[in-house]
C-alpha atoms as a PDB file:
ATOM      1  CA  MET A   1     104.696  -8.869 -75.416  1.00  0.00           C
ATOM      2  CA  GLN A   2     104.576  -6.015 -78.534  1.00  0.00           C
ATOM      3  CA  GLY A   3     108.342  -4.753 -77.332  1.00  0.00           C
ATOM      4  CA  LEU A   4     109.207  -8.465 -77.806  1.00  0.00           C
ATOM      5  CA  GLN A   5     107.858  -8.212 -81.005  1.00  0.00           C
ATOM      6  CA  GLN A   6     109.771  -5.248 -81.905  1.00  0.00           C
ATOM      7  CA  LEU A   7     112.926  -6.619 -81.451  1.00  0.00           C
ATOM      8  CA  SER A   8     115.120  -8.207 -84.100  1.00  0.00           C
ATOM      9  CA  ARG A   9     115.468 -12.045 -84.439  1.00  0.00           C
ATOM     10  CA  ALA A  10     118.732 -12.424 -83.114  1.00  0.00           C
ATOM     11  CA  GLN A  11     117.828 -10.321 -80.063  1.00  0.00           C
ATOM     12  CA  ARG A  12     114.665 -12.440 -79.700  1.00  0.00           C
ATOM     13  CA  ARG A  13     116.817 -15.551 -79.583  1.00  0.00           C
ATOM     14  CA  PHE A  14     118.906 -13.601 -76.989  1.00  0.00           C
ATOM     15  CA  VAL A  15     116.387 -13.205 -75.064  1.00  0.00           C
ATOM     16  CA  PHE A  16     114.997 -16.932 -75.435  1.00  0.00           C
ATOM     17  CA  LEU A  17     118.548 -18.150 -74.357  1.00  0.00           C
ATOM     18  CA  MET A  18     118.509 -15.901 -71.640  1.00  0.00           C
ATOM     19  CA  LEU A  19     114.986 -17.186 -69.812  1.00  0.00           C
ATOM     20  CA  PHE A  20     116.423 -20.841 -70.659  1.00  0.00           C
ATOM     21  CA  ALA A  21     119.074 -20.420 -68.995  1.00  0.00           C
ATOM     22  CA  GLY A  22     117.863 -18.766 -65.744  1.00  0.00           C
ATOM     23  CA  ALA A  23     114.954 -21.482 -65.577  1.00  0.00           C
ATOM     24  CA  LEU A  24     117.820 -24.373 -65.820  1.00  0.00           C
ATOM     25  CA  PHE A  25     119.917 -22.365 -63.021  1.00  0.00           C
ATOM     26  CA  LEU A  26     116.608 -22.025 -60.772  1.00  0.00           C
ATOM     27  CA  LEU A  27     115.976 -25.956 -61.027  1.00  0.00           C
ATOM     28  CA  PHE A  28     119.353 -26.881 -60.536  1.00  0.00           C
ATOM     29  CA  ALA A  29     119.439 -24.193 -57.355  1.00  0.00           C
ATOM     30  CA  LEU A  30     116.797 -25.858 -55.759  1.00  0.00           C
ATOM     31  CA  THR A  31     117.917 -29.385 -56.266  1.00  0.00           C
ATOM     32  CA  VAL A  32     120.970 -28.447 -54.506  1.00  0.00           C
ATOM     33  CA  LEU A  33     119.042 -26.678 -51.695  1.00  0.00           C
ATOM     34  CA  LEU A  34     116.897 -29.421 -51.308  1.00  0.00           C
ATOM     35  CA  ILE A  35     119.876 -32.083 -51.312  1.00  0.00           C
ATOM     36  CA  ALA A  36     121.642 -29.952 -48.749  1.00  0.00           C
ATOM     37  CA  ASN A  37     118.986 -29.943 -46.584  1.00  0.00           C
ATOM     38  CA  THR A  38     118.480 -33.640 -46.438  1.00  0.00           C
ATOM     39  CA  PHE A  39     122.113 -34.154 -45.209  1.00  0.00           C
ATOM     40  CA  ASN A  40     122.227 -31.115 -43.125  1.00  0.00           C
ATOM     41  CA  SER A  41     118.837 -31.464 -40.899  1.00  0.00           C
ATOM     42  CA  GLY A  42     119.434 -32.803 -37.601  1.00  0.00           C
ATOM     43  CA  ARG A  43     118.196 -36.195 -36.670  1.00  0.00           C
ATOM     44  CA  SER A  44     114.381 -36.610 -35.703  1.00  0.00           C
ATOM     45  CA  ILE A  45     113.580 -36.925 -32.349  1.00  0.00           C
ATOM     46  CA  PRO A  46     111.611 -39.794 -31.082  1.00  0.00           C
ATOM     47  CA  VAL A  47     108.149 -39.335 -30.089  1.00  0.00           C
ATOM     48  CA  ALA A  48     106.052 -42.123 -27.707  1.00  0.00           C
ATOM     49  CA  LEU A  49     102.316 -42.483 -29.069  1.00  0.00           C
ATOM     50  CA  ILE A  50     101.531 -43.122 -25.467  1.00  0.00           C
ATOM     51  CA  PRO A  51     101.711 -40.202 -23.008  1.00  0.00           C
ATOM     52  CA  GLU A  52     102.917 -42.657 -19.825  1.00  0.00           C
ATOM     53  CA  VAL A  53     105.754 -43.921 -22.257  1.00  0.00           C
ATOM     54  CA  ALA A  54     109.071 -41.973 -22.057  1.00  0.00           C
ATOM     55  CA  VAL A  55     111.478 -42.392 -24.765  1.00  0.00           C
ATOM     56  CA  GLY A  56     115.177 -41.254 -25.802  1.00  0.00           C
ATOM     57  CA  VAL A  57     117.975 -41.547 -27.612  1.00  0.00           C
ATOM     58  CA  LEU A  58     120.572 -44.058 -25.648  1.00  0.00           C
ATOM     59  CA  ALA A  59     123.326 -43.188 -28.176  1.00  0.00           C
ATOM     60  CA  GLU A  60     124.100 -41.925 -31.976  1.00  0.00           C
ATOM     61  CA  LEU A  61     126.848 -44.271 -33.578  1.00  0.00           C
ATOM     62  CA  PRO A  62     129.087 -42.567 -34.977  1.00  0.00           C
ATOM     63  CA  ASP A  63     129.530 -44.054 -38.618  1.00  0.00           C
ATOM     64  CA  GLY A  64     127.248 -43.170 -41.361  1.00  0.00           C
ATOM     65  CA  ASP A  65     126.802 -46.538 -42.181  1.00  0.00           C
ATOM     66  CA  ALA A  66     126.762 -47.936 -39.253  1.00  0.00           C
ATOM     67  CA  TYR A  67     123.499 -50.193 -39.349  1.00  0.00           C
ATOM     68  CA  PRO A  68     122.993 -51.652 -36.193  1.00  0.00           C
ATOM     69  CA  ALA A  69     121.189 -54.911 -37.034  1.00  0.00           C
ATOM     70  CA  ALA A  70     121.516 -56.694 -34.043  1.00  0.00           C
ATOM     71  CA  LEU A  71     121.933 -56.322 -30.030  1.00  0.00           C
ATOM     72  CA  THR A  72     122.379 -57.925 -26.788  1.00  0.00           C
ATOM     73  CA  LEU A  73     122.946 -56.335 -23.002  1.00  0.00           C
ATOM     74  CA  ASP A  74     125.332 -57.848 -20.816  1.00  0.00           C
ATOM     75  CA  SER A  75     124.843 -58.421 -16.776  1.00  0.00           C
ATOM     76  CA  ILE A  76     125.453 -54.377 -15.962  1.00  0.00           C
ATOM     77  CA  GLY A  77     122.900 -53.285 -18.254  1.00  0.00           C
ATOM     78  CA  GLU A  78     125.693 -52.370 -21.119  1.00  0.00           C
ATOM     79  CA  VAL A  79     124.317 -52.656 -24.807  1.00  0.00           C
ATOM     80  CA  PHE A  80     126.375 -54.367 -27.463  1.00  0.00           C
ATOM     81  CA  THR A  81     125.331 -53.924 -30.916  1.00  0.00           C
ATOM     82  CA  GLY A  82     127.424 -54.718 -34.572  1.00  0.00           C
ATOM     83  CA  SER A  83     127.217 -53.388 -37.784  1.00  0.00           C
ATOM     84  CA  TYR A  84     125.670 -55.320 -40.617  1.00  0.00           C
ATOM     85  CA  ALA A  85     127.483 -53.088 -42.861  1.00  0.00           C
ATOM     86  CA  THR A  86     131.076 -52.719 -41.688  1.00  0.00           C
ATOM     87  CA  GLY A  87     131.357 -55.460 -39.250  1.00  0.00           C
ATOM     88  CA  ALA A  88     132.293 -53.264 -36.428  1.00  0.00           C
ATOM     89  CA  VAL A  89     130.844 -54.041 -32.775  1.00  0.00           C
ATOM     90  CA  TRP A  90     130.330 -50.991 -30.057  1.00  0.00           C
ATOM     91  CA  ARG A  91     129.918 -51.051 -26.132  1.00  0.00           C
ATOM     92  CA  VAL A  92     126.978 -48.237 -25.182  1.00  0.00           C
ATOM     93  CA  THR A  93     127.136 -48.057 -21.487  1.00  0.00           C
ATOM     94  CA  PRO A  94     123.880 -46.907 -19.290  1.00  0.00           C
ATOM     95  CA  GLY A  95     125.055 -43.432 -19.815  1.00  0.00           C
ATOM     96  CA  GLY A  96     125.129 -43.478 -23.278  1.00  0.00           C
ATOM     97  CA  GLY A  97     129.204 -43.617 -23.989  1.00  0.00           C
ATOM     98  CA  ILE A  98     130.007 -45.584 -27.070  1.00  0.00           C
ATOM     99  CA  SER A  99     133.368 -47.101 -27.401  1.00  0.00           C
ATOM    100  CA  GLU A 100     134.347 -49.709 -30.336  1.00  0.00           C
ATOM    101  CA  LEU A 101     135.527 -53.149 -29.714  1.00  0.00           C
ATOM    102  CA  GLY A 102     139.208 -53.302 -30.810  1.00  0.00           C
ATOM    103  CA  GLY A 103     139.468 -55.494 -34.161  1.00  0.00           C
ATOM    104  CA  THR A 104     135.932 -56.248 -34.940  1.00  0.00           C
ATOM    105  CA  ARG A 105     136.134 -53.737 -37.904  1.00  0.00           C
ATOM    106  CA  ASP A 106     138.927 -55.758 -39.657  1.00  0.00           C
ATOM    107  CA  ALA A 107     138.062 -59.404 -38.614  1.00  0.00           C
ATOM    108  CA  ILE A 108     134.169 -59.365 -39.107  1.00  0.00           C
ATOM    109  CA  GLY A 109     132.528 -58.627 -42.341  1.00  0.00           C
ATOM    110  CA  SER A 110     128.726 -58.470 -41.439  1.00  0.00           C
ATOM    111  CA  VAL A 111     126.883 -58.783 -38.032  1.00  0.00           C
ATOM    112  CA  SER A 112     123.943 -60.761 -38.136  1.00  0.00           C
ATOM    113  CA  ALA A 113     123.269 -61.674 -34.504  1.00  0.00           C
ATOM    114  CA  LEU A 114     125.202 -61.310 -30.967  1.00  0.00           C
ATOM    115  CA  ILE A 115     124.555 -62.965 -27.800  1.00  0.00           C
ATOM    116  CA  PHE A 116     126.543 -63.701 -24.406  1.00  0.00           C
ATOM    117  CA  ALA A 117     127.541 -67.411 -23.617  1.00  0.00           C
ATOM    118  CA  PRO A 118     127.059 -68.720 -20.326  1.00  0.00           C
ATOM    119  CA  ASP A 119     130.757 -68.217 -19.571  1.00  0.00           C
ATOM    120  CA  GLY A 120     130.456 -64.452 -20.537  1.00  0.00           C
ATOM    121  CA  ALA A 121     132.310 -64.396 -23.892  1.00  0.00           C
ATOM    122  CA  LEU A 122     130.495 -62.496 -26.368  1.00  0.00           C
ATOM    123  CA  LEU A 123     129.774 -64.370 -29.644  1.00  0.00           C
ATOM    124  CA  VAL A 124     129.074 -62.580 -32.945  1.00  0.00           C
ATOM    125  CA  LEU A 125     127.578 -64.193 -35.750  1.00  0.00           C
ATOM    126  CA  ASP A 126     129.298 -63.042 -38.971  1.00  0.00           C
ATOM    127  CA  THR A 127     127.480 -63.436 -42.337  1.00  0.00           C
ATOM    128  CA  LEU A 128     130.542 -62.107 -44.305  1.00  0.00           C
ATOM    129  CA  ASP A 129     129.663 -59.653 -46.437  1.00  0.00           C
ATOM    130  CA  THR A 130     126.096 -57.790 -46.998  1.00  0.00           C
ATOM    131  CA  ASP A 131     125.584 -59.251 -50.711  1.00  0.00           C
ATOM    132  CA  PRO A 132     122.944 -61.620 -50.243  1.00  0.00           C
ATOM    133  CA  ARG A 133     124.502 -63.930 -52.639  1.00  0.00           C
ATOM    134  CA  THR A 134     127.456 -64.550 -50.258  1.00  0.00           C
ATOM    135  CA  VAL A 135     127.612 -67.833 -48.975  1.00  0.00           C
ATOM    136  CA  GLY A 136     129.195 -68.897 -45.544  1.00  0.00           C
ATOM    137  CA  GLY A 137     129.645 -67.611 -42.088  1.00  0.00           C
ATOM    138  CA  HIS A 138     131.151 -67.427 -38.744  1.00  0.00           C
ATOM    139  CA  ILE A 139     130.773 -67.548 -34.749  1.00  0.00           C
ATOM    140  CA  TRP A 140     133.167 -65.167 -33.349  1.00  0.00           C
ATOM    141  CA  ARG A 141     133.894 -65.563 -29.490  1.00  0.00           C
ATOM    142  CA  MET A 142     135.218 -62.927 -27.944  1.00  0.00           C
ATOM    143  CA  ALA A 143     136.684 -63.323 -24.441  1.00  0.00           C
ATOM    144  CA  GLY A 144     136.648 -60.272 -21.785  1.00  0.00           C
ATOM    145  CA  ASP A 145     140.565 -59.592 -22.809  1.00  0.00           C
ATOM    146  CA  GLY A 146     138.942 -59.092 -26.610  1.00  0.00           C
ATOM    147  CA  ALA A 147     140.816 -61.631 -27.931  1.00  0.00           C
ATOM    148  CA  MET A 148     138.801 -63.439 -30.726  1.00  0.00           C
ATOM    149  CA  THR A 149     138.447 -67.288 -31.575  1.00  0.00           C
ATOM    150  CA  GLU A 150     135.790 -69.117 -33.773  1.00  0.00           C
ATOM    151  CA  TYR A 151     133.290 -70.570 -31.888  1.00  0.00           C
ATOM    152  CA  GLY A 152     132.498 -74.573 -32.555  1.00  0.00           C
ATOM    153  CA  LEU A 153     132.777 -76.612 -35.483  1.00  0.00           C
ATOM    154  CA  LEU A 154     130.213 -77.195 -38.191  1.00  0.00           C
ATOM    155  CA  ASP A 155     130.697 -80.959 -38.551  1.00  0.00           C
ATOM    156  CA  ASP A 156     129.500 -81.480 -42.345  1.00  0.00           C
ATOM    157  CA  GLU A 157     130.598 -80.944 -45.679  1.00  0.00           C
ATOM    158  CA  ARG A 158     128.096 -78.207 -46.169  1.00  0.00           C
ATOM    159  CA  GLY A 159     129.346 -75.268 -43.965  1.00  0.00           C
ATOM    160  CA  TRP A 160     127.171 -72.585 -43.319  1.00  0.00           C
ATOM    161  CA  ILE A 161     125.332 -71.070 -46.183  1.00  0.00           C
ATOM    162  CA  ALA A 162     123.224 -67.908 -44.682  1.00  0.00           C
ATOM    163  CA  PRO A 163     123.211 -68.312 -40.826  1.00  0.00           C
ATOM    164  CA  ASN A 164     121.070 -65.373 -39.431  1.00  0.00           C
ATOM    165  CA  ASP A 165     120.394 -65.760 -35.313  1.00  0.00           C
ATOM    166  CA  MET A 166     121.400 -67.199 -32.208  1.00  0.00           C
ATOM    167  CA  VAL A 167     119.740 -68.688 -29.147  1.00  0.00           C
ATOM    168  CA  PHE A 168     120.799 -70.708 -25.709  1.00  0.00           C
ATOM    169  CA  ASP A 169     118.829 -73.296 -24.181  1.00  0.00           C
ATOM    170  CA  ASP A 170     118.911 -73.282 -20.377  1.00  0.00           C
ATOM    171  CA  GLN A 171     121.632 -76.499 -20.500  1.00  0.00           C
ATOM    172  CA  GLY A 172     123.914 -73.870 -22.451  1.00  0.00           C
ATOM    173  CA  ASN A 173     123.584 -75.718 -25.868  1.00  0.00           C
ATOM    174  CA  LEU A 174     123.705 -73.125 -28.351  1.00  0.00           C
ATOM    175  CA  TYR A 175     121.520 -73.065 -31.546  1.00  0.00           C
ATOM    176  CA  VAL A 176     121.593 -71.049 -35.055  1.00  0.00           C
ATOM    177  CA  THR A 177     119.344 -70.842 -37.890  1.00  0.00           C
ATOM    178  CA  ASP A 178     120.628 -71.096 -41.391  1.00  0.00           C
ATOM    179  CA  SER A 179     118.318 -69.477 -43.845  1.00  0.00           C
ATOM    180  CA  GLY A 180     119.842 -71.147 -46.708  1.00  0.00           C
ATOM    181  CA  ARG A 181     120.319 -74.887 -45.410  1.00  0.00           C
ATOM    182  CA  ASN A 182     116.708 -74.274 -43.763  1.00  0.00           C
ATOM    183  CA  GLU A 183     117.789 -75.817 -40.674  1.00  0.00           C
ATOM    184  CA  VAL A 184     118.472 -75.201 -36.818  1.00  0.00           C
ATOM    185  CA  ILE A 185     122.037 -75.845 -36.167  1.00  0.00           C
ATOM    186  CA  ARG A 186     122.833 -77.097 -32.411  1.00  0.00           C
ATOM    187  CA  PHE A 187     126.222 -76.404 -30.927  1.00  0.00           C
ATOM    188  CA  SER A 188     127.074 -78.906 -27.882  1.00  0.00           C
ATOM    189  CA  ALA A 189     130.249 -79.645 -26.090  1.00  0.00           C
ATOM    190  CA  GLY A 190     131.829 -82.808 -27.039  1.00  0.00           C
ATOM    191  CA  GLU A 191     133.903 -85.156 -25.616  1.00  0.00           C
ATOM    192  CA  ASP A 192     137.184 -83.059 -25.597  1.00  0.00           C
ATOM    193  CA  GLY A 193     134.855 -80.142 -24.431  1.00  0.00           C
ATOM    194  CA  ALA A 194     134.868 -78.298 -27.899  1.00  0.00           C
ATOM    195  CA  GLN A 195     131.786 -77.174 -29.511  1.00  0.00           C
ATOM    196  CA  VAL A 196     130.628 -79.163 -32.222  1.00  0.00           C
ATOM    197  CA  GLY A 197     127.724 -78.048 -33.941  1.00  0.00           C
ATOM    198  CA  GLN A 198     125.093 -80.610 -35.980  1.00  0.00           C
ATOM    199  CA  VAL A 199     121.589 -79.985 -37.951  1.00  0.00           C
ATOM    200  CA  TRP A 200     119.324 -80.185 -35.189  1.00  0.00           C
ATOM    201  CA  TRP A 201     115.739 -79.271 -36.534  1.00  0.00           C
ATOM    202  CA  VAL A 202     114.816 -79.271 -39.886  1.00  0.00           C
ATOM    203  CA  PRO A 203     110.801 -77.689 -40.598  1.00  0.00           C
ATOM    204  CA  PRO A 204     108.137 -79.789 -42.601  1.00  0.00           C
ATOM    205  CA  PRO A 205     108.044 -78.942 -46.273  1.00  0.00           C
ATOM    206  CA  PRO A 206     106.434 -75.764 -47.227  1.00  0.00           C
ATOM    207  CA  PRO A 207     103.520 -75.434 -49.093  1.00  0.00           C
ATOM    208  CA  GLU A 208     104.127 -75.946 -52.838  1.00  0.00           C
ATOM    209  CA  ASP A 209     104.196 -72.316 -53.833  1.00  0.00           C
ATOM    210  CA  ALA A 210     106.196 -70.983 -51.034  1.00  0.00           C
ATOM    211  CA  ARG A 211     109.926 -71.482 -49.793  1.00  0.00           C
ATOM    212  CA  ALA A 212     110.942 -72.003 -46.494  1.00  0.00           C
ATOM    213  CA  SER A 213     113.713 -69.757 -44.607  1.00  0.00           C
ATOM    214  CA  LEU A 214     114.269 -70.013 -40.864  1.00  0.00           C
ATOM    215  CA  THR A 215     114.961 -66.796 -39.270  1.00  0.00           C
ATOM    216  CA  GLY A 216     114.745 -65.921 -35.766  1.00  0.00           C
ATOM    217  CA  LEU A 217     115.131 -67.967 -32.587  1.00  0.00           C
ATOM    218  CA  ALA A 218     114.221 -67.619 -28.900  1.00  0.00           C
ATOM    219  CA  PHE A 219     114.490 -70.145 -25.874  1.00  0.00           C
ATOM    220  CA  ASP A 220     110.949 -70.685 -24.011  1.00  0.00           C
ATOM    221  CA  PRO A 221     112.130 -71.455 -20.502  1.00  0.00           C
ATOM    222  CA  VAL A 222     108.484 -72.402 -19.715  1.00  0.00           C
ATOM    223  CA  ARG A 223     107.778 -75.074 -22.056  1.00  0.00           C
ATOM    224  CA  ARG A 224     111.392 -75.616 -22.490  1.00  0.00           C
ATOM    225  CA  ALA A 225     111.414 -75.112 -26.326  1.00  0.00           C
ATOM    226  CA  ILE A 226     112.781 -73.113 -28.903  1.00  0.00           C
ATOM    227  CA  ILE A 227     110.443 -70.734 -30.827  1.00  0.00           C
ATOM    228  CA  VAL A 228     111.257 -70.526 -35.061  1.00  0.00           C
ATOM    229  CA  THR A 229     109.945 -68.043 -36.964  1.00  0.00           C
ATOM    230  CA  ASP A 230     109.738 -68.687 -40.988  1.00  0.00           C
ATOM    231  CA  PRO A 231     109.059 -65.194 -42.340  1.00  0.00           C
ATOM    232  CA  GLU A 232     108.080 -66.612 -45.835  1.00  0.00           C
ATOM    233  CA  THR A 233     105.460 -69.155 -44.952  1.00  0.00           C
ATOM    234  CA  ASN A 234     104.512 -67.143 -41.697  1.00  0.00           C
ATOM    235  CA  ARG A 235     104.777 -70.028 -39.370  1.00  0.00           C
ATOM    236  CA  LEU A 236     106.266 -69.949 -36.037  1.00  0.00           C
ATOM    237  CA  SER A 237     107.490 -73.313 -34.774  1.00  0.00           C
ATOM    238  CA  SER A 238     108.074 -74.225 -31.517  1.00  0.00           C
ATOM    239  CA  VAL A 239     110.040 -77.276 -31.466  1.00  0.00           C
ATOM    240  CA  MET A 240     110.145 -78.735 -27.843  1.00  0.00           C
ATOM    241  CA  LEU A 241     113.604 -79.885 -25.910  1.00  0.00           C
ATOM    242  CA  ALA A 242     114.135 -83.774 -25.099  1.00  0.00           C
ATOM    243  CA  ASP A 243     114.597 -84.093 -21.294  1.00  0.00           C
ATOM    244  CA  ASN A 244     118.450 -83.018 -20.183  1.00  0.00           C
ATOM    245  CA  THR A 245     118.997 -82.037 -23.685  1.00  0.00           C
END
């Protein structure tokens, strides 16, 4: 410190600038190192909390923004999953092999749900875009040869607002939640055989300080009911099916 005080004013200013620049460089280097370590570090290995349970990675999807938000399995144990971010749909074999279904990335905007129809076709619920302000949607039917067509017609002027999930009952009718409309839509075959969607169930009004928003669906074969989730009101509703419907 005494030696520093004996320096001239210009020399002291130079030393101060060098120390300041060195501190900035060190801070920058540490920041770059932390960022590089974040991107280059390997994926974490899943570990089961119960010793008797074995956990393994089935597959790692190729896209950095894959964001697989939905999945379903076919009759031979292959997993099909779709990207909420890009619309791509992948097939994953039991051995972990991955293949992207052709045309899905270009045709589909954002995958919300996947399910196999009774005839073996893969249905993909497309919400068009990841932006929650986007209104609309499609249900795509993918045949075994990869051909994509739109599944059914929603028979009203409102159309899809925010379709969310799908499930089939034991009669082959398809149910779809629309959290924007806050309704469950049911598709069934019309006189010409085409699938027509109509409003099937509307939940009771929520409490005054809440907003209803139907999302998940499941079919209960024991009670022959459709189970509907509403995360906004914390309700699970069991909607019974009428005989033969």
